[in-house]
């Protein structure tokens, strides 16, 4: 068997991993990079494998994992995309957002709307319960679990043609809202009566390592975030938190509302609608998550941002506030409007908490502030929704140190992580790039 990286290793975005055996193929994710109007998975040799593609798996709904799926159908794939119902229900929103992004940049898409409608989804939970192995297709057994990244997000383990492969998707065990099922090797579960190991020895693991060798846990990130926010609020300023539509946005909304009960928390309507998504899929949440979400929805310090109200009117009514708007890279119109208002006074602060693509407004503002130190402050504090050094180390241990490809980070970051892990005694760790091939 062979792994071909079509995207996602040695870079942030366009997650896409092709498994090949006996002229048959299985695909894990098929996403894009939000740069230069859109960067798609490598397609030069698609005609060599699309006809033998037996199954496609989708780990979750974020654009860097799903948006290129219509390209498969455009080029003749007639099979199904295996995912979860919660993921499939989120996808129309992401396809529409991608369409707006590409139209704004006058960038062509390598598919049409009819190709999006051609996608046929099958739901893993209808066939195989979480945490159990089941036969999906001839010679293909699957096991899956929750990955803690989004409602519906999963890790996937495959047993195919005598090989066993694990794909973490985007994984975190530190979400405030979302629960994660810890992937455990048989031997790792035996010593803990509350954990049941279900995974055998693996021939390959494809593992989220988006934060490279960053050693910090979530509590440290939140401490840094709070320091920047306290500094702005103590000076009478407001704090702008640009966030993604689903996931990190709702988590930071919850955290800010609970941490600062005396400060108005202004939230864009679509982010509040995201709470409905969490409520509709409570099986993906921690046991106390729904209660916490319902409590903040009733909180007197939580206010909806009215689209009919100008930014000037909003800050006139709430001269000091914590404001959450889409999108995390500040590409949306409303994020730009808030920046233009806040940038006029130095006591305000913008805090970016996720990945910033090259050329995005968020990246440009951060780089500019580092040089000029003028206008409102702009800081970057990651809120963890991926894995760094301690998380990768733990997952390698839990899986019994299999041959592993680390993904979702620039090559230089991955190289440093590999070096660190090898110093600690881990072996067979790979740092690859798109187009790389690896025998399994």
Protein backbone atom coordinates (compact mmCIF):
# COMPACT_ATOMS: atom_id res chain seq x y z
CA UNK A 1 0.00 0.00 0.00
CA UNK A 2 1.09 3.58 -0.64
CA UNK A 3 0.13 6.97 0.78
CA UNK A 4 0.16 9.95 -1.59
CA UNK A 5 -0.09 13.41 -0.08
CA UNK A 6 -2.36 15.52 -2.28
CA UNK A 7 -2.30 18.34 0.25
CA UNK A 8 -2.17 19.03 3.98
CA UNK A 9 1.30 17.77 4.97
CA UNK A 10 3.97 20.46 5.17
CA UNK A 11 1.30 23.17 4.95
CA UNK A 12 -1.81 24.48 6.66
CA UNK A 13 -4.88 23.58 4.63
CA UNK A 14 -6.16 21.42 1.73
CA UNK A 15 -6.12 18.22 3.78
CA UNK A 16 -6.11 15.34 1.30
CA UNK A 17 -4.54 11.88 1.65
CA UNK A 18 -4.81 9.12 -0.96
CA UNK A 19 -4.31 5.46 -0.05
CA UNK A 20 -3.54 3.07 -2.92
CA UNK A 21 -3.43 -0.74 -3.05
CA UNK A 22 -4.01 -3.14 -5.96
CA UNK A 23 -4.96 -0.23 -8.23
CA UNK A 24 -7.77 0.71 -5.85
CA UNK A 25 -7.93 3.89 -3.80
CA UNK A 26 -9.38 5.38 -0.61
CA UNK A 27 -9.38 9.15 -0.01
CA UNK A 28 -9.22 10.88 3.37
CA UNK A 29 -10.59 14.47 3.13
CA UNK A 30 -10.41 16.75 0.08
CA UNK A 31 -10.05 20.38 1.14
CA UNK A 32 -8.63 23.74 0.07
CA UNK A 33 -6.32 26.52 1.23
CA UNK A 34 -7.82 29.98 1.62
CA UNK A 35 -5.02 31.78 -0.18
CA UNK A 36 -4.79 33.56 -3.55
CA UNK A 37 -8.45 32.93 -4.35
CA UNK A 38 -8.19 29.25 -3.41
CA UNK A 39 -5.56 26.50 -3.60
CA UNK A 40 -6.88 23.01 -4.32
CA UNK A 41 -5.39 19.52 -3.80
CA UNK A 42 -2.92 18.31 -6.41
CA UNK A 43 -4.89 17.13 -9.43
CA UNK A 44 -2.26 16.48 -12.09
CA UNK A 45 -2.65 12.70 -11.96
CA UNK A 46 -6.31 12.47 -10.96
CA UNK A 47 -7.16 10.48 -14.10
CA UNK A 48 -4.87 7.72 -12.80
CA UNK A 49 -6.86 7.15 -9.60
CA UNK A 50 -10.37 8.59 -9.86
CA UNK A 51 -11.69 5.52 -11.69
CA UNK A 52 -10.47 3.19 -8.95
CA UNK A 53 -11.66 5.36 -6.03
CA UNK A 54 -13.65 3.04 -3.76
CA UNK A 55 -14.45 5.29 -0.81
CA UNK A 56 -14.07 8.87 0.37
CA UNK A 57 -14.04 9.84 4.06
CA UNK A 58 -14.61 13.34 5.41
CA UNK A 59 -13.44 14.13 8.93
CA UNK A 60 -15.38 17.41 9.39
CA UNK A 61 -16.93 20.43 7.71
CA UNK A 62 -14.17 23.04 7.74
CA UNK A 63 -13.28 24.30 4.26
CA UNK A 64 -9.69 23.06 4.39
CA UNK A 65 -11.04 19.51 4.59
CA UNK A 66 -14.16 19.48 2.40
CA UNK A 67 -14.48 22.21 -0.25
CA UNK A 68 -12.77 20.29 -3.10
CA UNK A 69 -15.18 17.32 -2.84
CA UNK A 70 -17.24 18.51 -5.86
CA UNK A 71 -14.09 18.21 -7.99
CA UNK A 72 -14.27 14.43 -7.51
CA UNK A 73 -17.77 14.28 -8.97
CA UNK A 74 -16.82 16.72 -11.72
CA UNK A 75 -14.18 14.20 -12.79
CA UNK A 76 -16.32 11.09 -12.72
CA UNK A 77 -16.49 9.81 -9.12
CA UNK A 78 -19.87 8.16 -8.60
CA UNK A 79 -19.41 6.79 -5.11
CA UNK A 80 -20.25 8.19 -1.70
CA UNK A 81 -18.65 10.43 0.89
CA UNK A 82 -18.67 8.80 4.31
CA UNK A 83 -19.02 11.28 7.16
CA UNK A 84 -21.44 12.12 9.98
CA UNK A 85 -24.88 13.65 9.76
CA UNK A 86 -23.80 16.72 11.76
CA UNK A 87 -20.94 17.34 9.32
CA UNK A 88 -23.11 16.98 6.23
CA UNK A 89 -25.65 19.44 7.65
CA UNK A 90 -22.97 22.11 8.05
CA UNK A 91 -21.52 21.78 4.56
CA UNK A 92 -23.99 23.97 2.61
CA UNK A 93 -22.95 26.97 4.72
CA UNK A 94 -19.28 26.36 3.97
CA UNK A 95 -19.84 25.85 0.23
CA UNK A 96 -21.77 29.12 0.07
CA UNK A 97 -19.05 30.94 2.01
CA UNK A 98 -16.40 29.55 -0.37
CA UNK A 99 -18.43 30.70 -3.34
CA UNK A 100 -18.53 34.24 -1.93
CA UNK A 101 -14.79 34.15 -1.26
CA UNK A 102 -13.86 33.02 -4.77
CA UNK A 103 -16.30 35.44 -6.41
CA UNK A 104 -14.84 38.29 -4.38
CA UNK A 105 -11.35 37.39 -5.64
CA UNK A 106 -12.60 36.76 -9.21
CA UNK A 107 -11.14 33.25 -8.87
CA UNK A 108 -12.42 30.33 -10.92
CA UNK A 109 -13.66 27.21 -9.14
CA UNK A 110 -12.81 23.84 -10.72
CA UNK A 111 -16.41 22.71 -10.31
CA UNK A 112 -19.98 23.96 -10.78
CA UNK A 113 -22.96 24.19 -8.45
CA UNK A 114 -24.34 21.00 -9.98
CA UNK A 115 -21.21 19.15 -8.83
CA UNK A 116 -21.89 20.26 -5.25
CA UNK A 117 -25.41 18.88 -5.57
CA UNK A 118 -24.02 15.61 -6.96
CA UNK A 119 -22.25 14.73 -3.70
CA UNK A 120 -23.85 11.69 -2.08
CA UNK A 121 -23.31 11.47 1.67
CA UNK A 122 -23.53 8.36 3.82
CA UNK A 123 -23.52 8.60 7.59
CA UNK A 124 -21.11 6.43 9.53
CA UNK A 125 -23.27 6.47 12.66
CA UNK A 126 -26.08 4.80 10.71
CA UNK A 127 -23.87 1.82 9.93
CA UNK A 128 -21.22 1.57 12.65
CA UNK A 129 -21.58 2.87 16.23
CA UNK A 130 -18.81 5.09 17.54
CA UNK A 131 -15.94 3.17 19.10
CA UNK A 132 -16.74 -0.10 17.33
CA UNK A 133 -15.33 -1.81 14.27
CA UNK A 134 -17.65 -2.65 11.41
CA UNK A 135 -17.54 -3.72 7.76
CA UNK A 136 -18.27 -0.83 5.42
CA UNK A 137 -17.31 -2.36 2.08
CA UNK A 138 -15.66 -5.61 1.00
CA UNK A 139 -12.14 -5.69 2.50
CA UNK A 140 -12.80 -2.37 4.31
CA UNK A 141 -13.49 -2.21 8.05
CA UNK A 142 -13.87 1.11 9.85
CA UNK A 143 -13.82 2.43 13.38
CA UNK A 144 -14.43 6.09 14.29
CA UNK A 145 -14.70 8.41 17.26
CA UNK A 146 -15.36 12.04 18.15
CA UNK A 147 -12.38 14.37 17.65
CA UNK A 148 -13.45 17.39 19.77
CA UNK A 149 -13.06 19.92 16.94
CA UNK A 150 -16.62 20.54 15.68
CA UNK A 151 -20.03 18.93 16.13
CA UNK A 152 -19.71 15.93 13.84
CA UNK A 153 -15.92 15.95 13.62
CA UNK A 154 -14.28 12.53 13.82
CA UNK A 155 -11.10 10.53 13.74
CA UNK A 156 -11.16 7.47 11.50
CA UNK A 157 -9.39 4.10 11.65
CA UNK A 158 -9.37 1.80 8.61
CA UNK A 159 -8.52 -1.83 8.11
CA UNK A 160 -8.11 -2.20 4.36
CA UNK A 161 -6.38 -4.89 2.33
CA UNK A 162 -4.38 -6.11 5.31
CA UNK A 163 -3.20 -2.66 6.45
CA UNK A 164 -4.44 -0.57 9.36
CA UNK A 165 -4.44 3.21 9.06
CA UNK A 166 -5.46 5.89 11.57
CA UNK A 167 -6.43 9.43 10.55
CA UNK A 168 -6.91 11.90 13.40
CA UNK A 169 -8.71 14.59 11.39
CA UNK A 170 -8.47 17.81 13.40
CA UNK A 171 -8.23 16.67 17.01
CA UNK A 172 -8.27 18.33 20.40
CA UNK A 173 -8.95 17.06 23.89
CA UNK A 174 -9.13 20.61 25.33
CA UNK A 175 -12.42 21.95 24.00
CA UNK A 176 -14.68 23.62 26.56
CA UNK A 177 -17.79 22.35 24.77
CA UNK A 178 -16.95 19.36 22.59
CA UNK A 179 -16.13 15.91 23.87
CA UNK A 180 -13.46 13.74 22.26
CA UNK A 181 -13.05 9.97 22.21
CA UNK A 182 -9.47 9.13 23.01
CA UNK A 183 -8.06 6.75 20.37
CA UNK A 184 -6.36 3.97 22.28
CA UNK A 185 -4.31 0.94 21.33
CA UNK A 186 -5.57 -2.32 22.86
CA UNK A 187 -2.68 -2.42 25.32
CA UNK A 188 -3.14 1.20 26.39
CA UNK A 189 -6.73 0.65 27.45
CA UNK A 190 -6.11 -2.45 29.53
CA UNK A 191 -4.58 -0.66 32.53
CA UNK A 192 -7.40 1.88 32.80
CA UNK A 193 -10.83 0.43 33.61
CA UNK A 194 -12.54 3.60 32.31
CA UNK A 195 -10.77 3.49 28.93
CA UNK A 196 -11.24 0.66 26.46
CA UNK A 197 -8.52 0.30 23.85
CA UNK A 198 -10.03 -0.52 20.46
CA UNK A 199 -7.19 0.04 18.00
CA UNK A 200 -4.72 -2.68 16.96
CA UNK A 201 -1.11 -2.16 15.92
CA UNK A 202 -1.16 0.40 13.12
CA UNK A 203 0.75 0.42 9.86
CA UNK A 204 0.35 4.20 9.61
CA UNK A 205 -1.07 7.15 11.54
CA UNK A 206 -1.81 10.50 9.87
CA UNK A 207 -1.84 12.89 12.80
CA UNK A 208 -2.88 16.49 13.38
CA UNK A 209 0.16 18.49 14.51
CA UNK A 210 -1.01 21.96 13.50
CA UNK A 211 0.78 23.71 16.37
CA UNK A 212 4.14 22.08 15.78
CA UNK A 213 6.36 21.98 18.85
CA UNK A 214 4.28 24.53 20.79
CA UNK A 215 4.33 23.19 24.37
CA UNK A 216 1.42 25.20 25.82
CA UNK A 217 -1.88 23.80 27.02
CA UNK A 218 -5.22 25.56 26.66
CA UNK A 219 -5.13 27.10 30.14
CA UNK A 220 -1.91 28.96 29.25
CA UNK A 221 -3.43 30.24 26.01
CA UNK A 222 -6.48 31.52 27.88
CA UNK A 223 -4.24 33.19 30.44
CA UNK A 224 -2.43 35.10 27.66
CA UNK A 225 -5.75 35.99 26.07
CA UNK A 226 -7.08 37.30 29.35
CA UNK A 227 -3.98 39.44 29.93
CA UNK A 228 -4.47 41.25 26.61
CA UNK A 229 -8.18 41.67 27.22
CA UNK A 230 -7.68 42.95 30.77
CA UNK A 231 -5.17 45.51 29.53
CA UNK A 232 -7.64 46.88 26.96
CA UNK A 233 -10.64 46.84 29.28
CA UNK A 234 -8.72 48.45 32.15
CA UNK A 235 -7.97 51.35 29.79
CA UNK A 236 -11.62 51.72 28.87
CA UNK A 237 -11.20 50.10 25.46
CA UNK A 238 -13.14 47.43 23.60
CA UNK A 239 -11.89 44.03 22.42
CA UNK A 240 -12.64 42.60 18.98
CA UNK A 241 -12.46 38.80 18.59
CA UNK A 242 -12.81 37.74 14.93
CA UNK A 243 -13.75 34.03 14.97
CA UNK A 244 -14.85 31.22 12.60
CA UNK A 245 -18.53 30.50 12.09
CA UNK A 246 -18.59 27.21 14.03
CA UNK A 247 -16.45 25.86 16.86
CA UNK A 248 -13.95 28.36 18.21
CA UNK A 249 -16.48 31.18 17.90
CA UNK A 250 -19.00 29.57 20.25
CA UNK A 251 -16.26 28.50 22.67
CA UNK A 252 -14.83 32.01 22.97
CA UNK A 253 -18.33 33.48 23.24
CA UNK A 254 -18.94 31.18 26.22
CA UNK A 255 -15.58 31.91 27.82
CA UNK A 256 -15.84 35.70 27.43
CA UNK A 257 -19.39 35.80 28.80
CA UNK A 258 -18.43 33.76 31.86
CA UNK A 259 -15.09 35.49 32.43
CA UNK A 260 -16.40 39.08 32.11
CA UNK A 261 -19.98 39.11 33.46
CA UNK A 262 -19.93 42.91 33.86
CA UNK A 263 -18.87 43.70 30.28
CA UNK A 264 -21.32 43.67 27.32
CA UNK A 265 -20.53 40.79 24.95
CA UNK A 266 -21.73 41.71 21.46
CA UNK A 267 -22.16 38.76 19.12
CA UNK A 268 -22.95 38.59 15.42
CA UNK A 269 -26.27 36.82 14.84
CA UNK A 270 -24.80 33.97 12.77
CA UNK A 271 -22.52 33.03 15.66
CA UNK A 272 -25.50 32.75 17.97
CA UNK A 273 -27.18 30.54 15.40
CA UNK A 274 -24.15 28.29 15.73
CA UNK A 275 -25.25 27.54 19.29
CA UNK A 276 -28.34 25.91 17.78
CA UNK A 277 -26.02 23.55 15.93
CA UNK A 278 -24.41 22.54 19.21
CA UNK A 279 -27.82 22.10 20.85
CA UNK A 280 -29.08 19.96 17.98
CA UNK A 281 -26.13 17.59 18.30
CA UNK A 282 -25.79 17.29 22.05
CA UNK A 283 -24.19 13.87 21.69
CA UNK A 284 -21.00 15.62 20.59
CA UNK A 285 -20.80 17.77 23.73
CA UNK A 286 -19.46 17.55 27.26
CA UNK A 287 -22.15 16.69 29.79
CA UNK A 288 -22.41 20.26 31.14
CA UNK A 289 -22.03 22.08 27.83
CA UNK A 290 -25.70 22.59 26.99
CA UNK A 291 -26.42 23.97 30.44
CA UNK A 292 -23.58 26.49 30.09
CA UNK A 293 -24.72 27.52 26.60
CA UNK A 294 -28.32 28.03 27.73
CA UNK A 295 -27.08 30.11 30.66
CA UNK A 296 -25.14 32.54 28.49
CA UNK A 297 -28.06 32.87 26.06
CA UNK A 298 -30.09 34.19 28.98
CA UNK A 299 -27.25 36.36 30.26
CA UNK A 300 -28.04 40.10 30.45
CA UNK A 301 -24.54 40.96 29.21
CA UNK A 302 -24.97 39.05 25.90
CA UNK A 303 -26.28 41.22 23.04
CA UNK A 304 -27.00 40.40 19.40
CA UNK A 305 -25.37 42.62 16.80
CA UNK A 306 -28.21 44.02 14.71
CA UNK A 307 -27.32 44.10 11.02
CA UNK A 308 -29.43 47.26 10.61
CA UNK A 309 -27.29 49.12 13.13
CA UNK A 310 -24.09 50.83 11.98
CA UNK A 311 -20.80 50.15 13.71
CA UNK A 312 -20.73 53.75 14.92
CA UNK A 313 -24.19 53.38 16.48
CA UNK A 314 -23.17 50.10 18.09
CA UNK A 315 -20.12 51.53 19.87
CA UNK A 316 -22.05 54.67 20.78
CA UNK A 317 -24.52 52.46 22.63
CA UNK A 318 -21.82 50.17 24.07
CA UNK A 319 -18.67 52.33 24.45
CA UNK A 320 -16.85 49.40 26.05
CA UNK A 321 -17.52 45.84 24.94
CA UNK A 322 -16.18 42.45 23.90
CA UNK A 323 -17.22 41.95 20.27
CA UNK A 324 -17.29 38.66 18.35
CA UNK A 325 -17.67 38.71 14.57
CA UNK A 326 -16.96 36.33 11.69
CA UNK A 327 -14.40 35.54 10.11
CA UNK A 328 -11.27 34.48 12.00
CA UNK A 329 -8.93 35.98 9.36
CA UNK A 330 -10.95 39.24 9.22
CA UNK A 331 -11.95 38.76 5.59
CA UNK A 332 -15.65 39.49 6.17
CA UNK A 333 -17.18 42.91 5.56
CA UNK A 334 -18.35 43.29 9.15
CA UNK A 335 -14.90 42.43 10.55
CA UNK A 336 -13.37 45.14 8.34
CA UNK A 337 -15.98 47.67 9.47
CA UNK A 338 -15.20 47.03 13.12
CA UNK A 339 -11.48 47.32 12.48
CA UNK A 340 -11.89 50.64 10.68
CA UNK A 341 -13.75 52.04 13.69
CA UNK A 342 -11.51 50.61 16.42
CA UNK A 343 -8.22 51.42 14.67
CA UNK A 344 -8.75 55.14 15.24
CA UNK A 345 -8.02 54.85 18.99
CA UNK A 346 -5.11 53.08 20.68
CA UNK A 347 -6.99 51.86 23.76
CA UNK A 348 -8.92 49.29 21.71
CA UNK A 349 -7.55 45.80 20.96
CA UNK A 350 -8.04 43.17 18.28
CA UNK A 351 -7.09 39.62 19.24
CA UNK A 352 -6.70 36.98 16.52
CA UNK A 353 -6.97 33.44 17.84
CA UNK A 354 -6.45 31.09 14.89
CA UNK A 355 -4.59 30.44 11.66
CA UNK A 356 -3.89 33.52 9.53
CA UNK A 357 -3.42 32.78 5.85
CA UNK A 358 -0.88 34.74 3.86
CA UNK A 359 -2.51 37.83 2.38
CA UNK A 360 -5.49 37.83 4.75
CA UNK A 361 -6.41 41.12 6.43
CA UNK A 362 -5.75 39.62 9.84
CA UNK A 363 -2.19 38.66 8.85
CA UNK A 364 -1.52 42.06 7.31
CA UNK A 365 -2.79 43.96 10.36
CA UNK A 366 -0.77 41.81 12.74
CA UNK A 367 2.44 42.25 10.73
CA UNK A 368 1.81 45.98 10.42
CA UNK A 369 1.23 46.45 14.14
CA UNK A 370 4.41 44.58 15.02
CA UNK A 371 6.35 47.14 12.97
CA UNK A 372 4.49 50.40 13.56
CA UNK A 373 2.84 49.96 16.99
CA UNK A 374 0.24 52.57 16.06
CA UNK A 375 -3.55 52.61 16.21
CA UNK A 376 -5.39 49.94 18.14
CA UNK A 377 -3.37 46.98 19.39
CA UNK A 378 -3.39 43.75 17.33
CA UNK A 379 -2.34 40.50 19.03
CA UNK A 380 -2.26 36.84 18.07
CA UNK A 381 -3.08 34.31 20.80
CA UNK A 382 -4.02 30.85 19.59
CA UNK A 383 -7.11 29.27 21.08
CA UNK A 384 -6.32 25.57 20.84
CA UNK A 385 -8.45 23.55 18.46
CA UNK A 386 -5.56 21.39 17.20
CA UNK A 387 -2.60 19.50 18.64
CA UNK A 388 0.80 20.77 19.75
CA UNK A 389 3.79 18.98 21.24
CA UNK A 390 2.18 17.52 24.40
CA UNK A 391 -0.91 16.40 22.48
CA UNK A 392 1.02 14.70 19.69
CA UNK A 393 3.26 13.04 22.26
CA UNK A 394 0.20 11.70 24.10
CA UNK A 395 -1.47 10.44 20.94
CA UNK A 396 1.70 8.66 19.81
CA UNK A 397 1.87 6.99 23.20
CA UNK A 398 -1.83 6.07 23.12
CA UNK A 399 -1.45 4.48 19.67
CA UNK A 400 1.66 2.53 20.71
CA UNK A 401 4.11 4.62 18.65
CA UNK A 402 3.11 3.64 15.09
CA UNK A 403 4.75 4.92 11.88
CA UNK A 404 3.32 8.43 11.69
CA UNK A 405 2.98 11.31 9.24
CA UNK A 406 2.55 14.64 11.03
CA UNK A 407 0.31 17.06 9.14
CA UNK A 408 -1.47 20.43 9.13
CA UNK A 409 1.58 22.68 9.70
CA UNK A 410 4.31 24.29 7.57
CA UNK A 411 7.23 21.96 6.81
CA UNK A 412 9.69 23.89 9.00
CA UNK A 413 7.36 23.64 12.02
CA UNK A 414 6.81 19.93 11.42
CA UNK A 415 10.55 19.33 11.05
CA UNK A 416 11.20 20.89 14.46
CA UNK A 417 8.51 18.74 16.03
CA UNK A 418 9.91 15.58 14.44
CA UNK A 419 13.37 16.42 15.77
CA UNK A 420 11.99 16.96 19.26
CA UNK A 421 10.01 13.72 19.25
CA UNK A 422 12.98 11.72 17.97
CA UNK A 423 15.07 13.13 20.82
CA UNK A 424 12.43 11.74 23.17
CA UNK A 425 12.73 8.27 21.65
CA UNK A 426 9.85 8.16 19.16
CA UNK A 427 10.71 6.51 15.86
CA UNK A 428 9.32 6.38 12.32
CA UNK A 429 7.96 9.94 12.40
CA UNK A 430 7.65 11.59 8.98
CA UNK A 431 7.50 15.20 7.83
CA UNK A 432 6.23 15.24 4.25
CA UNK A 433 5.07 17.69 1.61
CA UNK A 434 2.36 17.61 -1.10
CA UNK A 435 3.18 15.09 -3.85
CA UNK A 436 5.21 12.95 -1.41
CA UNK A 437 4.63 9.21 -1.45
CA UNK A 438 5.18 6.81 1.40
CA UNK A 439 5.13 3.01 1.29
CA UNK A 440 3.02 1.49 4.06
